[in-house]
PDB file of N, CA and C in Angstrom:
ATOM      1  N   MET A   1       0.812  -1.196   0.000  1.00  0.00           N
ATOM      2  CA  MET A   1       0.000   0.000   0.000  1.00  0.00           C
ATOM      3  C   MET A   1       0.858   1.264   0.000  1.00  0.00           C
ATOM      4  N   GLY A   2       2.155   1.112   0.226  1.00  0.00           N
ATOM      5  CA  GLY A   2       3.032   2.263   0.190  1.00  0.00           C
ATOM      6  C   GLY A   2       2.885   3.206   1.367  1.00  0.00           C
ATOM      7  N   ILE A   3       2.437   2.712   2.515  1.00  0.00           N
ATOM      8  CA  ILE A   3       2.257   3.576   3.685  1.00  0.00           C
ATOM      9  C   ILE A   3       3.576   3.678   4.444  1.00  0.00           C
ATOM     10  N   LYS A   4       3.934   4.913   4.771  1.00  0.00           N
ATOM     11  CA  LYS A   4       5.161   5.171   5.526  1.00  0.00           C
ATOM     12  C   LYS A   4       4.784   5.985   6.757  1.00  0.00           C
ATOM     13  N   PRO A   5       4.941   5.409   7.950  1.00  0.00           N
ATOM     14  CA  PRO A   5       4.546   6.131   9.167  1.00  0.00           C
ATOM     15  C   PRO A   5       5.574   7.166   9.596  1.00  0.00           C
ATOM     16  N   SER A   6       5.081   8.240  10.192  1.00  0.00           N
ATOM     17  CA  SER A   6       5.926   9.243  10.828  1.00  0.00           C
ATOM     18  C   SER A   6       5.785   9.029  12.327  1.00  0.00           C
ATOM     19  N   LEU A   7       6.910   8.822  12.992  1.00  0.00           N
ATOM     20  CA  LEU A   7       6.903   8.539  14.422  1.00  0.00           C
ATOM     21  C   LEU A   7       7.470   9.720  15.194  1.00  0.00           C
ATOM     22  N   ALA A   8       7.028   9.858  16.434  1.00  0.00           N
ATOM     23  CA  ALA A   8       7.571  10.881  17.327  1.00  0.00           C
ATOM     24  C   ALA A   8       7.542  10.343  18.744  1.00  0.00           C
ATOM     25  N   ILE A   9       8.449  10.839  19.561  1.00  0.00           N
ATOM     26  CA  ILE A   9       8.442  10.478  20.970  1.00  0.00           C
ATOM     27  C   ILE A   9       7.573  11.503  21.677  1.00  0.00           C
ATOM     28  N   ILE A  10       6.473  11.015  22.249  1.00  0.00           N
ATOM     29  CA  ILE A  10       5.511  11.863  22.952  1.00  0.00           C
ATOM     30  C   ILE A  10       5.335  11.304  24.353  1.00  0.00           C
ATOM     31  N   ASP A  11       5.646  12.136  25.344  1.00  0.00           N
ATOM     32  CA  ASP A  11       5.563  11.716  26.747  1.00  0.00           C
ATOM     33  C   ASP A  11       6.335  10.423  26.997  1.00  0.00           C
ATOM     34  N   GLY A  12       7.507  10.316  26.367  1.00  0.00           N
ATOM     35  CA  GLY A  12       8.375   9.168  26.584  1.00  0.00           C
ATOM     36  C   GLY A  12       7.999   7.922  25.812  1.00  0.00           C
ATOM     37  N   GLU A  13       6.968   7.978  24.965  1.00  0.00           N
ATOM     38  CA  GLU A  13       6.548   6.814  24.181  1.00  0.00           C
ATOM     39  C   GLU A  13       6.674   7.115  22.693  1.00  0.00           C
ATOM     40  N   LEU A  14       7.108   6.107  21.936  1.00  0.00           N
ATOM     41  CA  LEU A  14       7.207   6.232  20.492  1.00  0.00           C
ATOM     42  C   LEU A  14       5.822   5.990  19.896  1.00  0.00           C
ATOM     43  N   LYS A  15       5.288   6.991  19.172  1.00  0.00           N
ATOM     44  CA  LYS A  15       3.934   6.886  18.634  1.00  0.00           C
ATOM     45  C   LYS A  15       3.913   7.272  17.159  1.00  0.00           C
ATOM     46  N   VAL A  16       2.976   6.685  16.424  1.00  0.00           N
ATOM     47  CA  VAL A  16       2.743   7.076  15.036  1.00  0.00           C
ATOM     48  C   VAL A  16       1.919   8.355  15.078  1.00  0.00           C
ATOM     49  N   VAL A  17       2.440   9.427  14.475  1.00  0.00           N
ATOM     50  CA  VAL A  17       1.725  10.703  14.491  1.00  0.00           C
ATOM     51  C   VAL A  17       1.057  11.010  13.148  1.00  0.00           C
ATOM     52  N   ARG A  18       1.521  10.360  12.102  1.00  0.00           N
ATOM     53  CA  ARG A  18       0.916  10.559  10.791  1.00  0.00           C
ATOM     54  C   ARG A  18       1.374   9.434   9.880  1.00  0.00           C
ATOM     55  N   LYS A  19       0.551   9.127   8.886  1.00  0.00           N
ATOM     56  CA  LYS A  19       0.921   8.115   7.893  1.00  0.00           C
ATOM     57  C   LYS A  19       0.910   8.780   6.521  1.00  0.00           C
ATOM     58  N   TYR A  20       1.975   8.497   5.766  1.00  0.00           N
ATOM     59  CA  TYR A  20       2.101   9.042   4.419  1.00  0.00           C
ATOM     60  C   TYR A  20       1.957   7.904   3.420  1.00  0.00           C
ATOM     61  N   ARG A  21       1.377   8.204   2.287  1.00  0.00           N
ATOM     62  CA  ARG A  21       1.172   7.190   1.265  1.00  0.00           C
ATOM     63  C   ARG A  21       1.742   7.683  -0.054  1.00  0.00           C
ATOM     64  N   GLY A  22       2.409   6.791  -0.769  1.00  0.00           N
ATOM     65  CA  GLY A  22       2.955   7.127  -2.081  1.00  0.00           C
ATOM     66  C   GLY A  22       4.402   6.717  -2.192  1.00  0.00           C
ATOM     67  N   SER A  23       5.035   7.203  -3.246  1.00  0.00           N
ATOM     68  CA  SER A  23       6.440   6.876  -3.465  1.00  0.00           C
ATOM     69  C   SER A  23       7.291   7.567  -2.405  1.00  0.00           C
ATOM     70  N   LEU A  24       8.488   7.079  -2.226  1.00  0.00           N
ATOM     71  CA  LEU A  24       9.383   7.634  -1.216  1.00  0.00           C
ATOM     72  C   LEU A  24       9.654   9.123  -1.414  1.00  0.00           C
ATOM     73  N   PRO A  25      10.012   9.586  -2.624  1.00  0.00           N
ATOM     74  CA  PRO A  25      10.252  11.024  -2.787  1.00  0.00           C
ATOM     75  C   PRO A  25       9.024  11.883  -2.452  1.00  0.00           C
ATOM     76  N   ILE A  26       7.836  11.420  -2.807  1.00  0.00           N
ATOM     77  CA  ILE A  26       6.614  12.180  -2.489  1.00  0.00           C
ATOM     78  C   ILE A  26       6.390  12.217  -0.982  1.00  0.00           C
ATOM     79  N   CYS A  27       6.548  11.079  -0.322  1.00  0.00           N
ATOM     80  CA  CYS A  27       6.360  11.022   1.135  1.00  0.00           C
ATOM     81  C   CYS A  27       7.383  11.889   1.865  1.00  0.00           C
ATOM     82  N   VAL A  28       8.621  11.844   1.415  1.00  0.00           N
ATOM     83  CA  VAL A  28       9.672  12.658   2.043  1.00  0.00           C
ATOM     84  C   VAL A  28       9.344  14.137   1.894  1.00  0.00           C
ATOM     85  N   GLY A  29       8.945  14.547   0.700  1.00  0.00           N
ATOM     86  CA  GLY A  29       8.586  15.941   0.475  1.00  0.00           C
ATOM     87  C   GLY A  29       7.431  16.383   1.370  1.00  0.00           C
ATOM     88  N   LYS A  30       6.392  15.559   1.483  1.00  0.00           N
ATOM     89  CA  LYS A  30       5.246  15.883   2.345  1.00  0.00           C
ATOM     90  C   LYS A  30       5.673  15.958   3.807  1.00  0.00           C
ATOM     91  N   TYR A  31       6.484  14.992   4.227  1.00  0.00           N
ATOM     92  CA  TYR A  31       6.950  14.951   5.616  1.00  0.00           C
ATOM     93  C   TYR A  31       7.740  16.213   5.967  1.00  0.00           C
ATOM     94  N   ILE A  32       8.675  16.575   5.120  1.00  0.00           N
ATOM     95  CA  ILE A  32       9.523  17.737   5.393  1.00  0.00           C
ATOM     96  C   ILE A  32       8.706  19.025   5.381  1.00  0.00           C
ATOM     97  N   THR A  33       7.839  19.182   4.380  1.00  0.00           N
ATOM     98  CA  THR A  33       7.037  20.403   4.338  1.00  0.00           C
ATOM     99  C   THR A  33       6.073  20.471   5.517  1.00  0.00           C
ATOM    100  N   ASP A  34       5.531  19.338   5.945  1.00  0.00           N
ATOM    101  CA  ASP A  34       4.662  19.323   7.140  1.00  0.00           C
ATOM    102  C   ASP A  34       5.431  19.758   8.381  1.00  0.00           C
ATOM    103  N   LEU A  35       6.642  19.238   8.539  1.00  0.00           N
ATOM    104  CA  LEU A  35       7.448  19.573   9.719  1.00  0.00           C
ATOM    105  C   LEU A  35       7.883  21.032   9.737  1.00  0.00           C
ATOM    106  N   LEU A  36       8.156  21.593   8.575  1.00  0.00           N
ATOM    107  CA  LEU A  36       8.686  22.954   8.508  1.00  0.00           C
ATOM    108  C   LEU A  36       7.604  24.018   8.331  1.00  0.00           C
ATOM    109  N   ASP A  37       6.369  23.601   8.045  1.00  0.00           N
ATOM    110  CA  ASP A  37       5.293  24.551   7.785  1.00  0.00           C
ATOM    111  C   ASP A  37       5.068  25.499   8.967  1.00  0.00           C
ATOM    112  N   GLY A  38       5.196  26.770   8.699  1.00  0.00           N
ATOM    113  CA  GLY A  38       4.961  27.783   9.720  1.00  0.00           C
ATOM    114  C   GLY A  38       6.070  27.929  10.752  1.00  0.00           C
ATOM    115  N   ARG A  39       7.160  27.208  10.574  1.00  0.00           N
ATOM    116  CA  ARG A  39       8.270  27.279  11.534  1.00  0.00           C
ATOM    117  C   ARG A  39       9.300  28.283  11.052  1.00  0.00           C
ATOM    118  N   ASN A  40       9.613  29.247  11.873  1.00  0.00           N
ATOM    119  CA  ASN A  40      10.684  30.177  11.542  1.00  0.00           C
ATOM    120  C   ASN A  40      11.799  30.098  12.584  1.00  0.00           C
ATOM    121  N   ASP A  41      11.742  29.049  13.421  1.00  0.00           N
ATOM    122  CA  ASP A  41      12.759  28.871  14.452  1.00  0.00           C
ATOM    123  C   ASP A  41      13.767  27.776  14.108  1.00  0.00           C
ATOM    124  N   ILE A  42      13.711  27.253  12.885  1.00  0.00           N
ATOM    125  CA  ILE A  42      14.615  26.187  12.464  1.00  0.00           C
ATOM    126  C   ILE A  42      15.875  26.801  11.858  1.00  0.00           C
ATOM    127  N   ASP A  43      17.023  26.305  12.289  1.00  0.00           N
ATOM    128  CA  ASP A  43      18.320  26.736  11.760  1.00  0.00           C
ATOM    129  C   ASP A  43      18.587  25.981  10.457  1.00  0.00           C
ATOM    130  N   ASN A  44      18.553  26.693   9.334  1.00  0.00           N
ATOM    131  CA  ASN A  44      18.733  26.045   8.030  1.00  0.00           C
ATOM    132  C   ASN A  44      20.197  25.811   7.674  1.00  0.00           C
ATOM    133  N   SER A  45      21.114  26.118   8.594  1.00  0.00           N
ATOM    134  CA  SER A  45      22.521  25.894   8.279  1.00  0.00           C
ATOM    135  C   SER A  45      22.906  24.425   8.396  1.00  0.00           C
ATOM    136  N   MET A  46      22.095  23.630   9.134  1.00  0.00           N
ATOM    137  CA  MET A  46      22.419  22.208   9.255  1.00  0.00           C
ATOM    138  C   MET A  46      21.194  21.396   9.650  1.00  0.00           C
ATOM    139  N   VAL A  47      21.227  20.136   9.281  1.00  0.00           N
ATOM    140  CA  VAL A  47      20.211  19.166   9.650  1.00  0.00           C
ATOM    141  C   VAL A  47      20.912  17.806   9.753  1.00  0.00           C
ATOM    142  N   PHE A  48      20.427  16.964  10.637  1.00  0.00           N
ATOM    143  CA  PHE A  48      21.031  15.648  10.854  1.00  0.00           C
ATOM    144  C   PHE A  48      20.056  14.561  10.405  1.00  0.00           C
ATOM    145  N   ILE A  49      20.600  13.540   9.738  1.00  0.00           N
ATOM    146  CA  ILE A  49      19.813  12.360   9.370  1.00  0.00           C
ATOM    147  C   ILE A  49      20.471  11.163  10.045  1.00  0.00           C
ATOM    148  N   SER A  50      19.705  10.452  10.851  1.00  0.00           N
ATOM    149  CA  SER A  50      20.207   9.237  11.498  1.00  0.00           C
ATOM    150  C   SER A  50      19.435   8.054  10.936  1.00  0.00           C
ATOM    151  N   SER A  51      20.136   6.962  10.705  1.00  0.00           N
ATOM    152  CA  SER A  51      19.462   5.815  10.097  1.00  0.00           C
ATOM    153  C   SER A  51      19.911   4.503  10.708  1.00  0.00           C
ATOM    154  N   CYS A  52      19.053   3.509  10.522  1.00  0.00           N
ATOM    155  CA  CYS A  52      19.337   2.130  10.927  1.00  0.00           C
ATOM    156  C   CYS A  52      18.960   1.238   9.753  1.00  0.00           C
ATOM    157  N   GLN A  53      19.928   0.806   9.015  1.00  0.00           N
ATOM    158  CA  GLN A  53      19.738  -0.059   7.852  1.00  0.00           C
ATOM    159  C   GLN A  53      18.665   0.485   6.903  1.00  0.00           C
ATOM    160  N   PRO A  54      18.877   1.686   6.361  1.00  0.00           N
ATOM    161  CA  PRO A  54      17.864   2.253   5.470  1.00  0.00           C
ATOM    162  C   PRO A  54      17.728   1.463   4.177  1.00  0.00           C
ATOM    163  N   LYS A  55      16.544   1.516   3.586  1.00  0.00           N
ATOM    164  CA  LYS A  55      16.303   0.847   2.311  1.00  0.00           C
ATOM    165  C   LYS A  55      17.102   1.567   1.219  1.00  0.00           C
ATOM    166  N   PRO A  56      17.491   0.839   0.175  1.00  0.00           N
ATOM    167  CA  PRO A  56      18.261   1.456  -0.910  1.00  0.00           C
ATOM    168  C   PRO A  56      17.536   2.676  -1.483  1.00  0.00           C
ATOM    169  N   GLY A  57      18.270   3.755  -1.661  1.00  0.00           N
ATOM    170  CA  GLY A  57      17.719   4.971  -2.232  1.00  0.00           C
ATOM    171  C   GLY A  57      17.048   5.899  -1.242  1.00  0.00           C
ATOM    172  N   CYS A  58      16.797   5.418  -0.044  1.00  0.00           N
ATOM    173  CA  CYS A  58      16.063   6.194   0.959  1.00  0.00           C
ATOM    174  C   CYS A  58      16.837   7.434   1.404  1.00  0.00           C
ATOM    175  N   MET A  59      18.086   7.260   1.771  1.00  0.00           N
ATOM    176  CA  MET A  59      18.877   8.386   2.257  1.00  0.00           C
ATOM    177  C   MET A  59      19.059   9.445   1.173  1.00  0.00           C
ATOM    178  N   GLU A  60      19.236   9.004  -0.068  1.00  0.00           N
ATOM    179  CA  GLU A  60      19.396   9.945  -1.167  1.00  0.00           C
ATOM    180  C   GLU A  60      18.114  10.755  -1.369  1.00  0.00           C
ATOM    181  N   ALA A  61      16.946  10.099  -1.255  1.00  0.00           N
ATOM    182  CA  ALA A  61      15.663  10.795  -1.403  1.00  0.00           C
ATOM    183  C   ALA A  61      15.464  11.809  -0.282  1.00  0.00           C
ATOM    184  N   ILE A  62      15.854  11.445   0.924  1.00  0.00           N
ATOM    185  CA  ILE A  62      15.706  12.359   2.052  1.00  0.00           C
ATOM    186  C   ILE A  62      16.628  13.562   1.893  1.00  0.00           C
ATOM    187  N   LYS A  63      17.877  13.319   1.501  1.00  0.00           N
ATOM    188  CA  LYS A  63      18.805  14.435   1.291  1.00  0.00           C
ATOM    189  C   LYS A  63      18.296  15.378   0.207  1.00  0.00           C
ATOM    190  N   ALA A  64      17.797  14.822  -0.874  1.00  0.00           N
ATOM    191  CA  ALA A  64      17.260  15.655  -1.964  1.00  0.00           C
ATOM    192  C   ALA A  64      16.063  16.468  -1.473  1.00  0.00           C
ATOM    193  N   GLY A  65      15.185  15.836  -0.687  1.00  0.00           N
ATOM    194  CA  GLY A  65      14.022  16.536  -0.144  1.00  0.00           C
ATOM    195  C   GLY A  65      14.410  17.637   0.819  1.00  0.00           C
ATOM    196  N   LEU A  66      15.402  17.384   1.649  1.00  0.00           N
ATOM    197  CA  LEU A  66      15.863  18.406   2.599  1.00  0.00           C
ATOM    198  C   LEU A  66      16.487  19.595   1.870  1.00  0.00           C
ATOM    199  N   ARG A  67      17.210  19.316   0.804  1.00  0.00           N
ATOM    200  CA  ARG A  67      17.813  20.411   0.031  1.00  0.00           C
ATOM    201  C   ARG A  67      16.728  21.227  -0.699  1.00  0.00           C
ATOM    202  N   LYS A  68      15.764  20.506  -1.273  1.00  0.00           N
ATOM    203  CA  LYS A  68      14.737  21.167  -2.071  1.00  0.00           C
ATOM    204  C   LYS A  68      13.707  21.897  -1.204  1.00  0.00           C
ATOM    205  N   TYR A  69      13.160  21.215  -0.205  1.00  0.00           N
ATOM    206  CA  TYR A  69      12.055  21.776   0.568  1.00  0.00           C
ATOM    207  C   TYR A  69      12.500  22.539   1.807  1.00  0.00           C
ATOM    208  N   GLY A  70      13.634  22.140   2.386  1.00  0.00           N
ATOM    209  CA  GLY A  70      14.093  22.801   3.597  1.00  0.00           C
ATOM    210  C   GLY A  70      15.225  23.773   3.364  1.00  0.00           C
ATOM    211  N   LYS A  71      15.820  23.685   2.171  1.00  0.00           N
ATOM    212  CA  LYS A  71      16.946  24.555   1.811  1.00  0.00           C
ATOM    213  C   LYS A  71      18.064  24.518   2.859  1.00  0.00           C
ATOM    214  N   PHE A  72      18.368  23.310   3.340  1.00  0.00           N
ATOM    215  CA  PHE A  72      19.415  23.149   4.341  1.00  0.00           C
ATOM    216  C   PHE A  72      20.783  23.192   3.684  1.00  0.00           C
ATOM    217  N   GLU A  73      21.716  23.898   4.327  1.00  0.00           N
ATOM    218  CA  GLU A  73      23.061  24.065   3.788  1.00  0.00           C
ATOM    219  C   GLU A  73      23.906  22.815   3.986  1.00  0.00           C
ATOM    220  N   ASN A  74      23.900  22.243   5.200  1.00  0.00           N
ATOM    221  CA  ASN A  74      24.718  21.067   5.516  1.00  0.00           C
ATOM    222  C   ASN A  74      23.817  19.937   6.014  1.00  0.00           C
ATOM    223  N   ILE A  75      23.965  18.789   5.380  1.00  0.00           N
ATOM    224  CA  ILE A  75      23.212  17.607   5.788  1.00  0.00           C
ATOM    225  C   ILE A  75      24.216  16.612   6.347  1.00  0.00           C
ATOM    226  N   ILE A  76      24.079  16.311   7.633  1.00  0.00           N
ATOM    227  CA  ILE A  76      25.045  15.467   8.331  1.00  0.00           C
ATOM    228  C   ILE A  76      24.398  14.121   8.620  1.00  0.00           C
ATOM    229  N   GLU A  77      25.055  13.039   8.164  1.00  0.00           N
ATOM    230  CA  GLU A  77      24.541  11.683   8.374  1.00  0.00           C
ATOM    231  C   GLU A  77      25.174  11.042   9.596  1.00  0.00           C
ATOM    232  N   THR A  78      24.352  10.387  10.389  1.00  0.00           N
ATOM    233  CA  THR A  78      24.836   9.644  11.553  1.00  0.00           C
ATOM    234  C   THR A  78      24.100   8.307  11.625  1.00  0.00           C
ATOM    235  N   GLY A  79      24.599   7.406  12.460  1.00  0.00           N
ATOM    236  CA  GLY A  79      23.922   6.139  12.695  1.00  0.00           C
ATOM    237  C   GLY A  79      23.027   6.239  13.919  1.00  0.00           C
ATOM    238  N   ILE A  80      21.908   5.558  13.867  1.00  0.00           N
ATOM    239  CA  ILE A  80      20.986   5.529  15.006  1.00  0.00           C
ATOM    240  C   ILE A  80      21.559   4.621  16.081  1.00  0.00           C
ATOM    241  N   GLY A  81      21.384   5.014  17.321  1.00  0.00           N
ATOM    242  CA  GLY A  81      21.847   4.206  18.442  1.00  0.00           C
ATOM    243  C   GLY A  81      21.046   2.929  18.592  1.00  0.00           C
ATOM    244  N   THR A  82      21.557   2.031  19.382  1.00  0.00           N
ATOM    245  CA  THR A  82      20.928   0.722  19.536  1.00  0.00           C
ATOM    246  C   THR A  82      19.545   0.792  20.172  1.00  0.00           C
ATOM    247  N   THR A  83      19.295   1.756  21.052  1.00  0.00           N
ATOM    248  CA  THR A  83      17.979   1.845  21.693  1.00  0.00           C
ATOM    249  C   THR A  83      16.903   2.172  20.674  1.00  0.00           C
ATOM    250  N   ILE A  84      17.127   3.224  19.892  1.00  0.00           N
ATOM    251  CA  ILE A  84      16.127   3.596  18.886  1.00  0.00           C
ATOM    252  C   ILE A  84      16.064   2.551  17.784  1.00  0.00           C
ATOM    253  N   GLY A  85      17.214   2.108  17.291  1.00  0.00           N
ATOM    254  CA  GLY A  85      17.247   1.103  16.241  1.00  0.00           C
ATOM    255  C   GLY A  85      16.605  -0.201  16.671  1.00  0.00           C
ATOM    256  N   GLY A  86      16.862  -0.618  17.897  1.00  0.00           N
ATOM    257  CA  GLY A  86      16.285  -1.861  18.406  1.00  0.00           C
ATOM    258  C   GLY A  86      14.796  -1.754  18.639  1.00  0.00           C
ATOM    259  N   TYR A  87      14.349  -0.593  19.065  1.00  0.00           N
ATOM    260  CA  TYR A  87      12.935  -0.390  19.366  1.00  0.00           C
ATOM    261  C   TYR A  87      12.120  -0.197  18.090  1.00  0.00           C
ATOM    262  N   SER A  88      12.711   0.501  17.116  1.00  0.00           N
ATOM    263  CA  SER A  88      11.987   0.835  15.893  1.00  0.00           C
ATOM    264  C   SER A  88      12.228  -0.151  14.766  1.00  0.00           C
ATOM    265  N   GLY A  89      13.394  -0.798  14.764  1.00  0.00           N
ATOM    266  CA  GLY A  89      13.697  -1.789  13.750  1.00  0.00           C
ATOM    267  C   GLY A  89      14.446  -1.234  12.560  1.00  0.00           C
ATOM    268  N   PRO A  90      14.874  -2.114  11.658  1.00  0.00           N
ATOM    269  CA  PRO A  90      15.625  -1.693  10.486  1.00  0.00           C
ATOM    270  C   PRO A  90      14.765  -0.819   9.574  1.00  0.00           C
ATOM    271  N   GLY A  91      15.421   0.063   8.855  1.00  0.00           N
ATOM    272  CA  GLY A  91      14.717   0.955   7.954  1.00  0.00           C
ATOM    273  C   GLY A  91      14.301   2.260   8.608  1.00  0.00           C
ATOM    274  N   THR A  92      14.598   2.401   9.898  1.00  0.00           N
ATOM    275  CA  THR A  92      14.232   3.618  10.618  1.00  0.00           C
ATOM    276  C   THR A  92      15.144   4.765  10.206  1.00  0.00           C
ATOM    277  N   ILE A  93      14.530   5.920   9.958  1.00  0.00           N
ATOM    278  CA  ILE A  93      15.276   7.131   9.619  1.00  0.00           C
ATOM    279  C   ILE A  93      14.807   8.224  10.568  1.00  0.00           C
ATOM    280  N   GLY A  94      15.743   8.954  11.125  1.00  0.00           N
ATOM    281  CA  GLY A  94      15.406  10.090  11.973  1.00  0.00           C
ATOM    282  C   GLY A  94      15.974  11.363  11.379  1.00  0.00           C
ATOM    283  N   ILE A  95      15.185  12.433  11.414  1.00  0.00           N
ATOM    284  CA  ILE A  95      15.655  13.735  10.945  1.00  0.00           C
ATOM    285  C   ILE A  95      15.614  14.673  12.138  1.00  0.00           C
ATOM    286  N   VAL A  96      16.774  15.263  12.459  1.00  0.00           N
ATOM    287  CA  VAL A  96      16.879  16.133  13.611  1.00  0.00           C
ATOM    288  C   VAL A  96      17.206  17.540  13.132  1.00  0.00           C
ATOM    289  N   PHE A  97      16.321  18.462  13.465  1.00  0.00           N
ATOM    290  CA  PHE A  97      16.503  19.870  13.105  1.00  0.00           C
ATOM    291  C   PHE A  97      17.061  20.619  14.316  1.00  0.00           C
ATOM    292  N   ALA A  98      17.897  21.611  14.046  1.00  0.00           N
ATOM    293  CA  ALA A  98      18.422  22.457  15.106  1.00  0.00           C
ATOM    294  C   ALA A  98      17.593  23.742  15.166  1.00  0.00           C
ATOM    295  N   LYS A  99      17.355  24.240  16.383  1.00  0.00           N
ATOM    296  CA  LYS A  99      16.618  25.493  16.544  1.00  0.00           C
ATOM    297  C   LYS A  99      17.585  26.652  16.476  1.00  0.00           C
ATOM    298  N   LYS A 100      17.096  27.786  15.973  1.00  0.00           N
ATOM    299  CA  LYS A 100      17.890  29.008  15.971  1.00  0.00           C
ATOM    300  C   LYS A 100      18.097  29.454  17.409  1.00  0.00           C
ATOM    301  N   VAL A 101      19.261  30.032  17.677  1.00  0.00           N
ATOM    302  CA  VAL A 101      19.521  30.557  19.024  1.00  0.00           C
ATOM    303  C   VAL A 101      19.585  32.066  19.000  1.00  0.00           C
TER     304      VAL A 101
END
């Protein structure tokens, strides 16, 4: 069905906050624009992507979406720690935005 869930930690629990449907590039674009909509407190100089065994092409689609929709200058890749990776499973991708100070 092409459903890709968006997860967030709310009150210490990992919960599905939205489900996206469609191809990976379309879902990534919707996810990023949803997260950034109306936000003027995000630092566009950098963004972090953390992953745990991402599917082929996934990281490239996310980087392209962040450049196109978020206009981020530096995209830094990291690995997800064992707690998040173990709890969420393979294929998990996290995007961490920095706030302006």
